[in-house]
Protein backbone atom coordinates (compact mmCIF):
# COMPACT_ATOMS: atom_id res chain seq x y z
CA MET A 1 28.18 4.22 -22.12
CA ASN A 2 25.98 3.42 -25.11
CA ARG A 3 22.41 4.74 -25.19
CA TYR A 4 19.66 2.55 -26.58
CA ALA A 5 16.02 2.54 -27.55
CA ILE A 6 14.11 -0.72 -27.54
CA VAL A 7 11.40 -0.81 -30.19
CA SER A 8 8.74 -3.52 -30.44
CA VAL A 9 5.47 -2.47 -32.05
CA TRP A 10 2.41 -4.32 -33.27
CA ASP A 11 1.10 -1.15 -34.95
CA LYS A 12 3.95 0.17 -37.11
CA THR A 13 2.18 3.42 -38.02
CA GLY A 14 4.62 6.34 -37.87
CA ILE A 15 7.45 4.33 -36.31
CA LEU A 16 10.07 5.12 -38.96
CA PRO A 17 10.31 8.92 -38.41
CA LEU A 18 10.65 8.40 -34.66
CA VAL A 19 13.37 5.79 -35.00
CA GLN A 20 15.20 7.87 -37.61
CA GLU A 21 15.17 10.84 -35.23
CA LEU A 22 16.60 8.70 -32.43
CA CYS A 23 19.29 7.28 -34.69
CA SER A 24 20.32 10.79 -35.76
CA ARG A 25 21.08 11.45 -32.10
CA GLY A 26 23.35 8.45 -31.70
CA VAL A 27 20.76 6.21 -30.07
CA LYS A 28 21.19 2.52 -30.96
CA ILE A 29 18.05 0.54 -31.77
CA LEU A 30 17.25 -2.76 -30.06
CA SER A 31 14.46 -4.80 -31.59
CA THR A 32 13.09 -8.26 -32.33
CA GLY A 33 10.91 -10.15 -34.76
CA GLY A 34 8.66 -8.33 -37.20
CA THR A 35 9.59 -4.89 -35.91
CA ALA A 36 13.31 -5.51 -36.47
CA LYS A 37 12.60 -6.80 -39.97
CA HIS A 38 10.47 -3.74 -40.79
CA LEU A 39 13.16 -1.34 -39.58
CA GLU A 40 15.97 -3.13 -41.41
CA GLN A 41 13.96 -3.15 -44.64
CA ASN A 42 13.79 0.62 -44.33
CA GLY A 43 17.53 1.07 -43.93
CA ILE A 44 17.75 1.30 -40.15
CA GLU A 45 20.53 -0.56 -38.38
CA VAL A 46 19.11 -2.78 -35.66
CA VAL A 47 20.79 -4.61 -32.80
CA PRO A 48 18.87 -7.85 -32.20
CA VAL A 49 17.89 -8.18 -28.56
CA SER A 50 19.38 -11.69 -28.48
CA SER A 51 22.74 -10.28 -29.61
CA TYR A 52 22.57 -7.54 -27.00
CA THR A 53 21.74 -9.92 -24.15
CA GLY A 54 23.93 -12.74 -25.41
CA HIS A 55 21.00 -15.08 -24.88
CA PRO A 56 18.81 -16.53 -27.64
CA GLU A 57 15.04 -16.35 -27.55
CA ILE A 58 13.54 -19.46 -25.99
CA MET A 59 10.14 -21.18 -25.95
CA ASP A 60 9.19 -19.96 -29.44
CA GLY A 61 9.75 -16.35 -28.44
CA ARG A 62 7.85 -16.49 -25.14
CA VAL A 63 11.03 -15.27 -23.45
CA LYS A 64 13.21 -12.78 -25.28
CA THR A 65 13.31 -9.39 -23.50
CA LEU A 66 13.01 -10.66 -19.91
CA HIS A 67 16.71 -10.23 -19.17
CA PRO A 68 18.82 -8.17 -16.68
CA LYS A 69 20.62 -6.33 -19.49
CA VAL A 70 17.27 -5.13 -20.82
CA HIS A 71 15.53 -4.28 -17.57
CA GLY A 72 18.69 -3.08 -15.92
CA GLY A 73 19.20 -0.65 -18.79
CA ILE A 74 15.62 0.61 -18.37
CA LEU A 75 15.47 0.77 -14.57
CA ALA A 76 18.96 2.08 -13.85
CA ARG A 77 18.88 5.39 -11.99
CA ARG A 78 21.19 7.67 -13.94
CA ASP A 79 22.24 9.62 -10.83
CA ARG A 80 23.28 6.47 -8.93
CA ASP A 81 26.89 5.34 -9.40
CA ASP A 82 26.06 1.90 -8.02
CA ASP A 83 23.35 1.40 -10.68
CA THR A 84 25.81 2.44 -13.38
CA ALA A 85 28.41 0.05 -11.94
CA SER A 86 25.89 -2.78 -12.06
CA LEU A 87 25.26 -2.07 -15.76
CA ASN A 88 29.00 -2.02 -16.45
CA GLU A 89 29.36 -5.41 -14.77
CA VAL A 90 26.92 -7.01 -17.22
CA GLU A 91 28.21 -4.92 -20.16
CA ALA A 92 24.88 -3.19 -20.66
CA GLY A 93 23.96 0.38 -21.57
CA TYR A 94 21.21 2.81 -20.70
CA ILE A 95 17.93 2.17 -22.48
CA ASP A 96 16.53 5.70 -22.65
CA TYR A 97 13.48 5.00 -24.84
CA VAL A 98 11.01 2.14 -24.71
CA VAL A 99 8.65 2.17 -27.69
CA VAL A 100 6.08 -0.63 -27.50
CA SER A 101 2.58 -0.97 -28.95
CA LEU A 102 0.70 -4.00 -27.73
CA TYR A 103 -1.23 -6.65 -29.58
CA PRO A 104 -4.94 -5.62 -29.86
CA PHE A 105 -6.03 -8.24 -27.36
CA LEU A 106 -9.43 -6.68 -26.67
CA ASP A 107 -10.41 -7.13 -30.32
CA LYS A 108 -9.64 -10.82 -29.96
CA VAL A 109 -11.66 -10.97 -26.72
CA ASN A 110 -14.65 -9.49 -28.53
CA GLU A 111 -14.31 -12.15 -31.23
CA VAL A 112 -14.21 -14.92 -28.64
CA GLU A 113 -17.17 -13.46 -26.72
CA ALA A 114 -19.19 -13.70 -29.91
CA ALA A 115 -18.35 -17.40 -30.25
CA ALA A 116 -20.80 -20.02 -29.04
CA ASN A 117 -18.30 -21.91 -26.86
CA PRO A 118 -15.36 -19.65 -25.94
CA LYS A 119 -12.17 -21.43 -24.89
CA HIS A 120 -9.59 -19.21 -23.27
CA GLU A 121 -6.74 -21.56 -24.16
CA SER A 122 -6.98 -20.39 -27.77
CA LEU A 123 -5.83 -16.85 -26.98
CA VAL A 124 -3.30 -17.17 -24.18
CA GLU A 125 -0.41 -16.91 -26.64
CA PHE A 126 -1.64 -13.44 -27.59
CA ILE A 127 -1.20 -12.17 -24.03
CA ASP A 128 1.90 -9.98 -24.11
CA ILE A 129 4.31 -10.32 -21.17
CA GLY A 130 7.56 -8.73 -22.30
CA GLY A 131 6.03 -5.58 -23.81
CA PRO A 132 3.97 -4.57 -20.76
CA THR A 133 6.87 -5.40 -18.45
CA MET A 134 9.24 -3.12 -20.35
CA LEU A 135 6.66 -0.34 -20.53
CA ARG A 136 5.94 -0.54 -16.81
CA ALA A 137 9.65 -0.44 -16.01
CA ALA A 138 10.18 2.57 -18.28
CA ALA A 139 7.15 4.38 -16.84
CA LYS A 140 8.36 3.73 -13.31
CA ASN A 141 11.71 5.26 -14.24
CA CYS A 142 10.22 8.17 -16.20
CA LYS A 143 12.65 10.52 -14.46
CA ASP A 144 15.20 9.22 -16.95
CA VAL A 145 13.35 7.09 -19.51
CA THR A 146 10.72 7.91 -22.15
CA ALA A 147 7.99 5.24 -22.38
CA ILE A 148 5.81 5.41 -25.51
CA CYS A 149 2.87 3.08 -26.02
CA ARG A 150 0.85 4.94 -28.68
CA PRO A 151 1.83 6.00 -32.21
CA SER A 152 -0.09 9.27 -31.71
CA ASP A 153 2.59 10.33 -29.20
CA TYR A 154 5.54 9.89 -31.59
CA GLN A 155 5.34 13.36 -33.10
CA ARG A 156 5.32 15.06 -29.70
CA VAL A 157 8.54 13.25 -28.79
CA ILE A 158 10.11 14.13 -32.16
CA ASP A 159 9.14 17.80 -31.79
CA GLU A 160 10.64 18.07 -28.30
CA LEU A 161 13.85 16.34 -29.35
CA ARG A 162 14.26 18.76 -32.24
CA ALA A 163 13.40 21.82 -30.15
CA ASP A 164 15.24 21.04 -26.91
CA GLY A 165 17.44 18.03 -27.57
CA GLU A 166 15.52 15.97 -25.04
CA VAL A 167 12.03 14.96 -23.96
CA SER A 168 10.80 17.11 -21.08
CA LEU A 169 10.10 15.60 -17.68
CA ALA A 170 6.49 16.80 -17.93
CA THR A 171 6.03 14.82 -21.14
CA ARG A 172 7.80 11.77 -19.73
CA ARG A 173 5.44 11.83 -16.73
CA LEU A 174 2.38 12.20 -18.98
CA LEU A 175 3.57 9.30 -21.13
CA ALA A 176 4.17 7.25 -17.99
CA ALA A 177 0.61 7.92 -16.82
CA ARG A 178 -0.63 6.84 -20.24
CA VAL A 179 1.33 3.61 -19.97
CA PHE A 180 -0.24 2.67 -16.65
CA ALA A 181 -3.73 3.61 -17.88
CA THR A 182 -3.15 1.50 -20.97
CA MET A 183 -1.91 -1.38 -18.85
CA SER A 184 -5.07 -1.14 -16.78
CA ALA A 185 -7.19 -1.41 -19.93
CA TYR A 186 -5.04 -4.24 -21.26
CA ASP A 187 -5.08 -6.20 -18.00
CA GLY A 188 -8.82 -5.61 -17.77
CA ALA A 189 -9.26 -7.19 -21.20
CA VAL A 190 -7.22 -10.19 -20.09
CA ALA A 191 -9.25 -10.54 -16.87
CA ARG A 192 -12.47 -10.27 -18.85
CA TYR A 193 -11.25 -12.98 -21.21
CA PHE A 194 -10.28 -15.43 -18.49
CA SER A 195 -13.65 -14.89 -16.81
CA LEU A 196 -15.72 -15.51 -19.94
CA ASN A 197 -16.65 -19.06 -19.04
CA GLU A 198 -17.45 -18.03 -15.46
CA SER A 199 -19.59 -15.12 -16.65
CA LEU A 200 -22.14 -17.50 -18.10
CA LEU A 201 -23.37 -18.40 -14.59
CA ASP A 202 -24.06 -16.44 -11.41
CA GLU A 203 -23.18 -17.57 -7.86
CA ASN A 204 -26.26 -19.80 -7.84
CA GLY A 205 -25.41 -21.47 -11.14
CA ALA A 206 -28.05 -19.54 -13.10
CA PRO A 207 -27.31 -17.99 -16.53
CA HIS A 208 -25.87 -14.50 -16.25
CA GLU A 209 -24.39 -12.11 -18.82
CA LEU A 210 -22.15 -10.06 -16.52
CA ALA A 211 -18.56 -11.15 -16.05
CA PRO A 212 -17.24 -11.50 -12.47
CA PHE A 213 -14.51 -8.92 -13.21
CA ILE A 214 -15.04 -5.60 -15.01
CA THR A 215 -12.23 -3.08 -15.44
CA PHE A 216 -12.60 0.41 -16.87
CA ALA A 217 -9.69 2.74 -17.57
CA LEU A 218 -10.86 6.20 -18.59
CA GLU A 219 -8.94 9.04 -20.19
CA ARG A 220 -10.14 12.63 -20.07
CA ASP A 221 -11.09 13.78 -23.53
CA SER A 222 -12.00 17.31 -22.44
CA THR A 223 -12.83 19.39 -19.40
CA LEU A 224 -16.32 20.87 -19.24
CA ARG A 225 -17.14 24.30 -17.90
CA TYR A 226 -18.94 22.68 -14.94
CA GLY A 227 -21.23 19.81 -14.11
CA GLU A 228 -24.97 19.87 -13.53
CA ASN A 229 -24.38 22.98 -11.40
CA PRO A 230 -21.62 25.63 -11.50
CA HIS A 231 -20.04 24.44 -8.24
CA GLN A 232 -19.38 20.95 -9.71
CA ASP A 233 -16.29 20.13 -11.78
CA ALA A 234 -16.89 17.92 -14.82
CA GLY A 235 -15.13 16.31 -17.73
CA LEU A 236 -15.82 14.06 -20.69
CA TYR A 237 -13.90 10.79 -20.44
CA ARG A 238 -13.43 8.00 -22.95
CA LEU A 239 -12.29 4.44 -22.57
CA VAL A 240 -8.52 4.05 -22.74
CA SER A 241 -7.60 1.98 -25.75
CA VAL A 242 -4.63 -0.30 -26.27
CA GLY A 243 -3.17 1.65 -29.17
CA ASP A 244 -4.72 4.55 -31.05
CA LYS A 245 -8.01 2.96 -32.06
CA GLY A 246 -9.95 4.38 -29.15
CA THR A 247 -13.58 5.39 -28.93
CA LYS A 248 -14.17 8.64 -30.76
CA ALA A 249 -17.30 10.74 -30.72
CA PRO A 250 -19.35 10.08 -33.87
CA TRP A 251 -20.39 13.73 -33.96
CA GLU A 252 -18.79 17.06 -34.84
CA LEU A 253 -19.59 20.51 -33.47
CA LEU A 254 -19.98 22.79 -36.49
CA GLN A 255 -20.81 25.99 -34.59
CA GLY A 256 -21.91 27.25 -31.22
CA LYS A 257 -20.81 27.43 -27.61
CA GLU A 258 -18.84 24.72 -25.89
CA ILE A 259 -20.84 21.56 -25.18
CA SER A 260 -21.80 21.43 -21.51
CA TYR A 261 -22.32 18.52 -19.12
CA ASN A 262 -26.10 19.00 -19.22
CA ASN A 263 -26.01 19.28 -23.02
CA LEU A 264 -24.27 15.92 -23.19
CA LEU A 265 -26.85 14.31 -20.91
CA ASP A 266 -29.68 15.70 -23.03
CA MET A 267 -27.91 14.68 -26.25
CA GLN A 268 -27.73 11.13 -24.89
CA GLY A 269 -31.45 11.22 -24.18
CA ALA A 270 -32.32 12.76 -27.53
CA LEU A 271 -30.24 10.30 -29.51
CA GLY A 272 -31.57 7.33 -27.56
CA ILE A 273 -35.18 8.13 -28.48
CA PHE A 274 -34.29 9.36 -31.95
CA LEU A 275 -32.42 6.21 -32.97
CA GLU A 276 -35.21 4.00 -31.60
CA VAL A 277 -37.94 5.87 -33.48
CA TRP A 278 -35.94 6.59 -36.64
CA SER A 279 -34.85 2.96 -37.11
CA GLY A 280 -38.32 1.70 -36.17
CA ASN A 281 -40.19 3.79 -38.74
CA PRO A 282 -38.46 3.24 -42.09
CA GLY A 283 -39.52 5.52 -44.89
CA LEU A 284 -40.50 8.34 -42.53
CA GLU A 285 -38.54 11.33 -41.23
CA THR A 286 -38.14 11.66 -37.45
CA ALA A 287 -37.94 14.71 -35.19
CA VAL A 288 -37.29 14.55 -31.44
CA ILE A 289 -37.15 17.40 -28.92
CA ILE A 290 -35.67 16.76 -25.45
CA LYS A 291 -35.74 18.84 -22.29
CA HIS A 292 -33.97 17.65 -19.14
CA SER A 293 -33.51 14.13 -20.56
CA ASN A 294 -37.22 13.64 -21.27
CA PRO A 295 -39.03 14.14 -24.59
CA CYS A 296 -41.35 17.10 -25.03
CA GLY A 297 -41.91 16.36 -28.70
CA VAL A 298 -41.64 13.38 -31.06
CA ALA A 299 -43.16 13.02 -34.51
CA VAL A 300 -42.74 11.04 -37.73
CA ARG A 301 -43.82 12.45 -41.09
CA GLY A 302 -43.10 12.20 -44.79
CA ASN A 303 -40.71 15.19 -44.66
CA ILE A 304 -38.53 16.55 -41.91
CA LEU A 305 -40.01 20.07 -41.86
CA ASP A 306 -43.46 18.70 -41.07
CA ALA A 307 -41.99 16.25 -38.57
CA PHE A 308 -40.29 19.08 -36.67
CA LYS A 309 -43.39 21.30 -36.68
CA GLU A 310 -45.51 18.46 -35.33
CA ALA A 311 -42.91 17.51 -32.71
CA ARG A 312 -42.71 21.10 -31.45
CA SER A 313 -46.49 21.39 -31.32
CA CYS A 314 -46.60 18.63 -28.67
CA ASP A 315 -45.35 21.02 -25.96
CA PRO A 316 -43.96 24.27 -27.41
CA LEU A 317 -43.46 25.74 -23.94
CA SER A 318 -41.14 22.94 -22.84
CA ALA A 319 -39.44 22.93 -26.26
CA PHE A 320 -37.98 26.36 -25.36
CA GLY A 321 -34.24 25.77 -24.90
CA GLY A 322 -34.53 22.16 -26.02
CA ILE A 323 -32.25 19.67 -27.74
CA ILE A 324 -33.42 18.71 -31.24
CA ALA A 325 -32.54 15.53 -33.16
CA LEU A 326 -33.55 15.29 -36.82
CA SER A 327 -33.27 12.80 -39.65
CA GLY A 328 -32.69 13.85 -43.26
CA THR A 329 -30.87 16.95 -44.42
CA VAL A 330 -31.53 20.23 -42.63
CA ASP A 331 -32.23 23.02 -45.12
CA VAL A 332 -32.64 26.77 -44.70
CA ASP A 333 -36.45 26.60 -44.46
CA LEU A 334 -36.22 24.22 -41.53
CA VAL A 335 -33.59 26.36 -39.80
CA GLN A 336 -35.81 29.43 -40.06
CA VAL A 337 -38.68 27.55 -38.43
CA MET A 338 -36.43 26.19 -35.67
CA LEU A 339 -35.00 29.62 -34.93
CA GLU A 340 -38.48 31.02 -34.28
CA GLY A 341 -37.90 29.70 -30.75
CA PHE A 342 -34.86 29.38 -28.50
CA ILE A 343 -32.91 26.16 -29.01
CA GLU A 344 -29.73 24.88 -27.38
CA VAL A 345 -28.51 22.05 -29.63
CA VAL A 346 -29.39 20.64 -33.05
CA LEU A 347 -28.33 17.10 -34.00
CA ALA A 348 -28.60 16.00 -37.64
CA SER A 349 -26.72 13.91 -40.17
CA ASP A 350 -26.34 16.70 -42.72
CA TYR A 351 -26.96 20.39 -43.36
CA THR A 352 -27.08 22.42 -46.56
CA ALA A 353 -24.59 25.26 -46.93
CA GLN A 354 -27.47 27.76 -46.80
CA ALA A 355 -28.73 26.17 -43.56
CA LEU A 356 -25.33 26.60 -41.91
CA GLU A 357 -25.23 30.24 -43.01
CA GLU A 358 -28.69 30.77 -41.50
CA PHE A 359 -27.57 29.25 -38.18
CA LYS A 360 -24.83 31.91 -37.97
CA LYS A 361 -27.55 34.40 -37.09
CA LYS A 362 -27.72 32.61 -33.74
CA LYS A 363 -24.06 31.94 -33.06
CA ASN A 364 -24.62 30.37 -29.64
CA VAL A 365 -26.77 27.56 -31.03
CA ARG A 366 -24.73 24.36 -30.99
CA VAL A 367 -25.01 22.80 -34.45
CA ILE A 368 -23.79 19.21 -34.48
CA LYS A 369 -23.31 16.84 -37.40
CA CYS A 370 -23.88 13.21 -36.40
CA ASP A 371 -22.94 9.88 -37.89
CA PHE A 372 -26.17 8.08 -37.05
CA ALA A 373 -24.91 4.72 -38.37
CA SER A 374 -21.93 4.84 -35.98
CA LEU A 375 -24.17 6.01 -33.13
CA THR A 376 -26.49 3.07 -33.75
CA ALA A 377 -23.53 0.65 -33.71
CA GLN A 378 -22.17 2.25 -30.51
CA ALA A 379 -25.60 2.03 -28.86
CA LYS A 380 -25.64 -1.70 -29.55
CA ALA A 381 -22.07 -2.07 -28.27
CA ASP A 382 -22.73 -0.10 -25.05
CA SER A 383 -23.93 -3.22 -23.28
CA LEU A 384 -23.43 -2.04 -19.70
CA SER A 385 -25.11 0.61 -17.59
CA ILE A 386 -23.13 1.71 -14.52
CA ARG A 387 -24.11 3.90 -11.56
CA ASN A 388 -22.32 4.68 -8.35
CA ALA A 389 -23.97 3.64 -5.09
CA PHE A 390 -22.22 4.99 -1.97
CA GLY A 391 -18.78 3.78 -3.05
CA ASP A 392 -20.05 0.64 -4.74
CA TYR A 393 -21.30 0.32 -8.30
CA LEU A 394 -24.55 -0.95 -9.76
CA VAL A 395 -23.94 -2.63 -13.11
CA GLN A 396 -26.56 -3.94 -15.50
CA THR A 397 -26.77 -4.92 -19.13
CA GLY A 398 -28.23 -2.22 -21.34
CA ASP A 399 -31.93 -1.99 -22.17
CA ALA A 400 -31.17 -2.47 -25.83
CA VAL A 401 -34.10 -4.67 -26.85
CA LEU A 402 -37.57 -3.44 -27.75
CA LYS A 403 -40.05 -6.10 -28.74
CA SER A 404 -41.85 -5.67 -32.03
CA LEU A 405 -45.60 -5.14 -31.93
CA ASP A 406 -45.82 -8.38 -33.86
CA GLU A 407 -44.76 -10.08 -30.64
CA ALA A 408 -47.30 -8.23 -28.49
CA GLU A 409 -50.54 -9.95 -27.51
CA VAL A 410 -53.85 -8.24 -28.27
CA VAL A 411 -55.82 -9.17 -25.14
CA SER A 412 -58.87 -6.97 -25.71
CA GLU A 413 -61.94 -7.99 -27.65
CA LEU A 414 -61.51 -4.97 -29.91
CA LYS A 415 -58.55 -5.20 -32.29
CA PRO A 416 -56.38 -2.24 -33.36
CA SER A 417 -56.73 -0.67 -36.80
CA ASP A 418 -53.65 -0.19 -38.99
CA ASN A 419 -53.40 3.49 -38.03
CA MET A 420 -53.79 2.61 -34.38
CA GLN A 421 -51.04 -0.02 -34.75
CA ALA A 422 -48.64 2.62 -36.08
CA ASP A 423 -49.41 4.97 -33.19
CA LEU A 424 -49.08 2.17 -30.63
CA ARG A 425 -45.69 1.30 -32.08
CA LEU A 426 -44.52 4.91 -31.83
CA ALA A 427 -45.85 5.28 -28.28
CA TRP A 428 -44.04 2.11 -27.21
CA GLN A 429 -40.79 3.26 -28.84
CA ILE A 430 -40.92 6.61 -27.05
CA CYS A 431 -42.04 5.19 -23.70
CA LYS A 432 -38.92 3.04 -23.36
CA HIS A 433 -36.77 6.19 -23.10
CA VAL A 434 -38.86 8.27 -20.69
CA LYS A 435 -38.25 8.43 -16.93
CA SER A 436 -40.52 6.14 -14.87
CA ASN A 437 -43.33 6.19 -14.02
CA THR A 438 -44.38 7.27 -17.45
CA ILE A 439 -47.38 7.46 -19.74
CA VAL A 440 -46.93 8.57 -23.36
CA ILE A 441 -49.94 9.59 -25.46
CA VAL A 442 -49.65 9.50 -29.26
CA LYS A 443 -52.08 10.50 -31.98
CA ASP A 444 -51.60 10.56 -35.75
CA GLY A 445 -47.86 9.84 -35.67
CA LYS A 446 -46.82 12.29 -32.99
CA ALA A 447 -46.63 12.52 -29.21
CA ILE A 448 -49.29 14.83 -27.79
CA GLY A 449 -48.75 14.24 -24.07
CA VAL A 450 -45.90 12.89 -21.92
CA GLY A 451 -46.24 12.16 -18.22
CA ALA A 452 -42.67 11.52 -17.05
CA GLY A 453 -41.01 10.72 -13.74
CA GLN A 454 -44.14 10.56 -11.62
CA MET A 455 -44.32 8.64 -8.36
CA SER A 456 -47.80 7.36 -9.27
CA ARG A 457 -48.79 5.91 -12.64
CA VAL A 458 -52.23 7.51 -12.23
CA ASP A 459 -50.51 10.87 -11.80
CA ALA A 460 -48.45 10.15 -14.93
CA ALA A 461 -51.67 9.51 -16.87
CA ASN A 462 -53.33 12.66 -15.54
CA PHE A 463 -50.23 14.74 -16.28
CA ALA A 464 -49.95 13.40 -19.86
CA LEU A 465 -53.60 14.24 -20.52
CA GLN A 466 -53.23 17.66 -18.92
CA ARG A 467 -50.18 18.49 -21.07
CA ALA A 468 -52.03 17.40 -24.21
CA LYS A 469 -55.08 19.56 -23.46
CA THR A 470 -52.96 22.54 -22.32
CA HIS A 471 -51.33 22.68 -25.76
CA GLY A 472 -54.51 22.28 -27.74
CA HIS A 473 -54.42 18.56 -28.55
CA ASP A 474 -57.56 16.47 -28.56
CA PRO A 475 -56.82 13.07 -26.94
CA VAL A 476 -60.01 11.51 -28.28
CA GLY A 477 -59.01 8.51 -30.38
CA SER A 478 -55.39 8.61 -29.23
CA VAL A 479 -53.29 5.74 -27.91
CA ALA A 480 -51.12 5.47 -24.80
CA ALA A 481 -48.12 3.47 -23.64
CA SER A 482 -47.08 2.61 -20.09
CA ASP A 483 -43.51 1.56 -19.24
CA ALA A 484 -44.70 -0.97 -16.65
CA PHE A 485 -47.82 -2.99 -15.88
CA LEU A 486 -51.00 -1.56 -14.39
CA PRO A 487 -51.58 -2.96 -10.89
CA PHE A 488 -55.20 -1.78 -11.05
CA SER A 489 -57.56 -0.52 -13.71
CA ASP A 490 -57.50 3.07 -12.40
CA THR A 491 -54.80 4.29 -14.83
CA LEU A 492 -56.68 2.81 -17.77
CA GLU A 493 -59.91 4.46 -16.59
CA VAL A 494 -58.23 7.88 -16.27
CA LEU A 495 -56.82 7.59 -19.80
CA ASN A 496 -60.09 6.41 -21.32
CA ASP A 497 -62.05 9.13 -19.55
CA GLY A 498 -59.67 11.55 -21.25
CA GLY A 499 -60.35 10.06 -24.70
CA VAL A 500 -57.56 7.48 -25.09
CA ALA A 501 -58.82 4.57 -27.18
CA ALA A 502 -55.94 2.07 -26.92
CA LEU A 503 -53.21 1.15 -24.46
CA ILE A 504 -49.99 -0.80 -24.78
CA GLN A 505 -48.33 -2.02 -21.58
CA PRO A 506 -46.14 -4.92 -20.40
CA GLY A 507 -48.73 -6.84 -18.39
CA GLY A 508 -47.69 -9.22 -15.64
CA SER A 509 -49.83 -7.91 -12.79
CA ILE A 510 -51.92 -10.29 -10.70
CA LYS A 511 -54.78 -7.95 -11.65
CA ASP A 512 -54.26 -8.31 -15.41
CA GLU A 513 -57.63 -10.02 -15.84
CA ASP A 514 -59.38 -7.14 -14.09
CA VAL A 515 -57.55 -4.59 -16.26
CA VAL A 516 -58.46 -6.52 -19.45
CA ALA A 517 -62.07 -6.69 -18.30
CA ALA A 518 -62.07 -2.93 -17.73
CA ALA A 519 -60.68 -2.37 -21.24
CA ASN A 520 -63.37 -4.54 -22.75
CA SER A 521 -66.15 -2.87 -20.78
CA ARG A 522 -64.94 0.49 -22.13
CA LYS A 523 -64.44 -0.77 -25.71
CA MET A 524 -60.70 -0.06 -25.49
CA VAL A 525 -57.93 -1.81 -27.39
CA MET A 526 -55.18 -3.22 -25.17
CA LEU A 527 -51.90 -4.92 -26.03
CA LEU A 528 -49.51 -6.69 -23.64
CA THR A 529 -45.83 -6.84 -24.61
CA GLY A 530 -44.47 -9.00 -21.78
CA GLU A 531 -41.55 -6.56 -21.58
CA ARG A 532 -41.07 -3.85 -18.95
CA HIS A 533 -38.99 -0.70 -19.49
CA PHE A 534 -38.37 0.97 -16.14
CA ARG A 535 -36.04 3.95 -16.40
CA HIS A 536 -35.06 5.27 -12.99
């Protein structure tokens, strides 16, 4: 009985060596359309699927591989005589390899989502039926059939064929799992597309950005030593892609120990604040220090060495074992200053050769090179925040927007100076990324006190002032930011008693007038943004 491979690929990367290897082993190639043309142009003999089935394509190619000779050849159990007899009856052979890469439908969905009036009818012809059906059949029958849906898997199959004459069952099972994960991602994209019009309204007919159906298929990128605690297993997972495009980390570990679960959480926190401050203060260098997902140092200066020194001076005790994010190029002088204390991770866009040599003196320090442009683009694309809730999931759109100070309303009688404006902007940028309730105090372009994660906003204010004074900072003339409105004037009074001269906050309390009156009576500047930034 003849042995076949059916090959139908949108992405033709690397397909020729795989097909040539199969042909060298006596496997006949079934194909259609552009794939068949590509193979024939490269000297590979192809059996058109329509010739194999004895049935022409119909409906402009909508139906071409949905045929018993195709699916029988894929699904036939090789150890069942009755299955083999059924194939003989229809004059079909075993199809031992199914090589299919799907149309990048999700890219098209993203294009349609960006359109003002999406119409799902325009993309239905791009929804693949035959390819997924063949892949699913091959994956189901992975005991006997190799299903390949990604070009990155071709070489593994070639290597095993050359080494052992066949693809191992372990590999066939792995490839089958990949097929079903890919189908989940693909079907999720289709469901998302068909729900686009519905996603514009909620159940009450009000505008809503979340689609009624959300599907995530995740693939483990790496296992981590443990989770938040040693008794917890953990891994880093990425979205399954249809093809090899995928979502790749825009950072590279240049030296140091393996990245841990907690490192990754802190890196997320550090980069969130860093990108906000860095992009919001053009012309200045930015340094951020994170500990347990909250900032213990942020500063902007004309050069990165000064920025780091000022950031660390905010709370040098908490900076011990911190995560550092830096703009500019890290040189040897900066490394020497950083290594005066214990640090876990350094994130920067570039390092001099001498700086990397200096880091080798502390081999456990994780030195990471980041593509900040890609990280910024990914941050904008990460539009959903997801948390588990006792078996259910809480989903929200990301807190990606931060209003400009130009949009804030100065409600106090006293107006901010230019220097005060710059500090208010920085405080507001930092505050968005700190755990609620939070108060951030800034003076002269750097954070000097952070009150994070407090149950009471008054406590957050007291804690921020205490941290500033503990580390030798004078809050007199400083500014503060609050992530949410002040229900009473008590927080403002605590801050002003400590020396804070200006406050930026969302407003929206029924006591706003009382709080404004308190600011005026104390000759404080106050701005209302109309935008809350809770971070639970």
